[in-house]
Amino acid sequence: MPLSAEALYADLIAAFPDAEILIDDLAGDGDHYRARVVSQAFAGQPRVRRHQAVYAALKGKMGGELHALALTTLTPAEAAAGG
């Protein structure tokens, strides 16, 4: 069963309550999304740790209900600088 954008958002905002989150359904099938997550929680973390934190927030849905997720993870300062 595909994952809705609303369910994806709910999981992410629960893990990153301060975040600005934008989600795009890339194929219209509920399986392929692009997400931009801007959170202070990413400060001082390399990209791989940021992505691991997002996958952890999805509680095992990646590879199951969710087939593909293109991620952009930024701090508010990085986003303000045009990231």
C-alpha atoms as a PDB file:
ATOM      1  CA  MET A   1       0.000   0.000   0.000  1.00  0.00           C
ATOM      2  CA  PRO A   2       1.479   3.393  -0.969  1.00  0.00           C
ATOM      3  CA  LEU A   3       2.277   6.063   1.589  1.00  0.00           C
ATOM      4  CA  SER A   4       0.379   9.332   1.316  1.00  0.00           C
ATOM      5  CA  ALA A   5       2.194  12.667   1.334  1.00  0.00           C
ATOM      6  CA  GLU A   6       0.208  13.534   4.464  1.00  0.00           C
ATOM      7  CA  ALA A   7       1.427  10.414   6.285  1.00  0.00           C
ATOM      8  CA  LEU A   8       4.999  11.120   5.190  1.00  0.00           C
ATOM      9  CA  TYR A   9       4.686  14.688   6.459  1.00  0.00           C
ATOM     10  CA  ALA A  10       3.202  13.499   9.772  1.00  0.00           C
ATOM     11  CA  ASP A  11       6.138  11.146  10.405  1.00  0.00           C
ATOM     12  CA  LEU A  12       8.684  13.831   9.558  1.00  0.00           C
ATOM     13  CA  ILE A  13       7.111  16.643  11.578  1.00  0.00           C
ATOM     14  CA  ALA A  14       6.804  14.314  14.593  1.00  0.00           C
ATOM     15  CA  ALA A  15      10.562  13.714  14.455  1.00  0.00           C
ATOM     16  CA  PHE A  16      11.514  17.287  13.504  1.00  0.00           C
ATOM     17  CA  PRO A  17       8.874  19.551  15.112  1.00  0.00           C
ATOM     18  CA  ASP A  18      10.771  22.745  14.228  1.00  0.00           C
ATOM     19  CA  ALA A  19      11.125  21.758  10.575  1.00  0.00           C
ATOM     20  CA  GLU A  20       9.963  23.356   7.378  1.00  0.00           C
ATOM     21  CA  ILE A  21       8.990  20.383   5.215  1.00  0.00           C
ATOM     22  CA  LEU A  22       8.073  20.374   1.538  1.00  0.00           C
ATOM     23  CA  ILE A  23       6.985  17.136  -0.116  1.00  0.00           C
ATOM     24  CA  ASP A  24       6.452  16.442  -3.821  1.00  0.00           C
ATOM     25  CA  ASP A  25       4.925  13.230  -5.179  1.00  0.00           C
ATOM     26  CA  LEU A  26       7.206  12.696  -8.167  1.00  0.00           C
ATOM     27  CA  ALA A  27       5.247  10.000  -9.988  1.00  0.00           C
ATOM     28  CA  GLY A  28       1.717  10.465  -8.641  1.00  0.00           C
ATOM     29  CA  ASP A  29       1.787   6.923  -7.291  1.00  0.00           C
ATOM     30  CA  GLY A  30       2.493   7.474  -3.588  1.00  0.00           C
ATOM     31  CA  ASP A  31       5.754   5.543  -3.950  1.00  0.00           C
ATOM     32  CA  HIS A  32       8.225   8.147  -5.225  1.00  0.00           C
ATOM     33  CA  TYR A  33       8.662  11.387  -3.316  1.00  0.00           C
ATOM     34  CA  ARG A  34      11.020  14.305  -3.023  1.00  0.00           C
ATOM     35  CA  ALA A  35      11.282  15.901   0.409  1.00  0.00           C
ATOM     36  CA  ARG A  36      13.042  19.071   1.536  1.00  0.00           C
ATOM     37  CA  VAL A  37      13.489  19.148   5.299  1.00  0.00           C
ATOM     38  CA  VAL A  38      14.900  22.275   6.929  1.00  0.00           C
ATOM     39  CA  SER A  39      15.647  21.793  10.622  1.00  0.00           C
ATOM     40  CA  GLN A  40      18.086  23.044  13.223  1.00  0.00           C
ATOM     41  CA  ALA A  41      18.428  19.378  14.243  1.00  0.00           C
ATOM     42  CA  PHE A  42      20.777  18.941  11.264  1.00  0.00           C
ATOM     43  CA  ALA A  43      23.333  21.472  12.550  1.00  0.00           C
ATOM     44  CA  GLY A  44      26.824  19.997  12.653  1.00  0.00           C
ATOM     45  CA  GLN A  45      25.771  16.751  10.974  1.00  0.00           C
ATOM     46  CA  PRO A  46      27.107  15.480   7.653  1.00  0.00           C
ATOM     47  CA  ARG A  47      24.586  14.692   4.933  1.00  0.00           C
ATOM     48  CA  VAL A  48      24.665  10.937   5.579  1.00  0.00           C
ATOM     49  CA  ARG A  49      23.711  11.428   9.264  1.00  0.00           C
ATOM     50  CA  ARG A  50      20.921  13.802   8.267  1.00  0.00           C
ATOM     51  CA  HIS A  51      19.506  11.254   5.847  1.00  0.00           C
ATOM     52  CA  GLN A  52      19.802   8.490   8.436  1.00  0.00           C
ATOM     53  CA  ALA A  53      17.792  10.645  10.859  1.00  0.00           C
ATOM     54  CA  VAL A  54      15.062  11.118   8.240  1.00  0.00           C
ATOM     55  CA  TYR A  55      14.942   7.386   7.471  1.00  0.00           C
ATOM     56  CA  ALA A  56      14.718   6.644  11.205  1.00  0.00           C
ATOM     57  CA  ALA A  57      11.764   9.042  11.442  1.00  0.00           C
ATOM     58  CA  LEU A  58       9.971   6.987   8.787  1.00  0.00           C
ATOM     59  CA  LYS A  59       9.976   3.968  11.123  1.00  0.00           C
ATOM     60  CA  GLY A  60      10.808   1.287   8.566  1.00  0.00           C
ATOM     61  CA  LYS A  61       8.518   2.552   5.807  1.00  0.00           C
ATOM     62  CA  MET A  62      11.443   3.181   3.451  1.00  0.00           C
ATOM     63  CA  GLY A  63      11.739   0.179   1.155  1.00  0.00           C
ATOM     64  CA  GLY A  64       8.248  -0.998   2.124  1.00  0.00           C
ATOM     65  CA  GLU A  65       5.372   1.454   1.783  1.00  0.00           C
ATOM     66  CA  LEU A  66       7.783   4.009   0.343  1.00  0.00           C
ATOM     67  CA  HIS A  67       9.912   2.966  -2.607  1.00  0.00           C
ATOM     68  CA  ALA A  68      11.992   6.087  -3.296  1.00  0.00           C
ATOM     69  CA  LEU A  69      12.689   9.325  -1.459  1.00  0.00           C
ATOM     70  CA  ALA A  70      14.948  12.034  -2.868  1.00  0.00           C
ATOM     71  CA  LEU A  71      16.096  14.088   0.119  1.00  0.00           C
ATOM     72  CA  THR A  72      17.373  17.593   0.634  1.00  0.00           C
ATOM     73  CA  THR A  73      18.261  18.199   4.281  1.00  0.00           C
ATOM     74  CA  LEU A  74      19.325  21.667   5.384  1.00  0.00           C
ATOM     75  CA  THR A  75      19.726  23.789   8.484  1.00  0.00           C
ATOM     76  CA  PRO A  76      17.796  27.071   8.507  1.00  0.00           C
ATOM     77  CA  ALA A  77      21.073  28.957   7.890  1.00  0.00           C
ATOM     78  CA  GLU A  78      21.863  26.774   4.861  1.00  0.00           C
ATOM     79  CA  ALA A  79      18.344  27.290   3.504  1.00  0.00           C
ATOM     80  CA  ALA A  80      18.617  31.061   4.001  1.00  0.00           C
ATOM     81  CA  ALA A  81      21.914  31.025   2.113  1.00  0.00           C
ATOM     82  CA  GLY A  82      20.153  29.535  -0.897  1.00  0.00           C
ATOM     83  CA  GLY A  83      20.573  25.830  -0.227  1.00  0.00           C
END
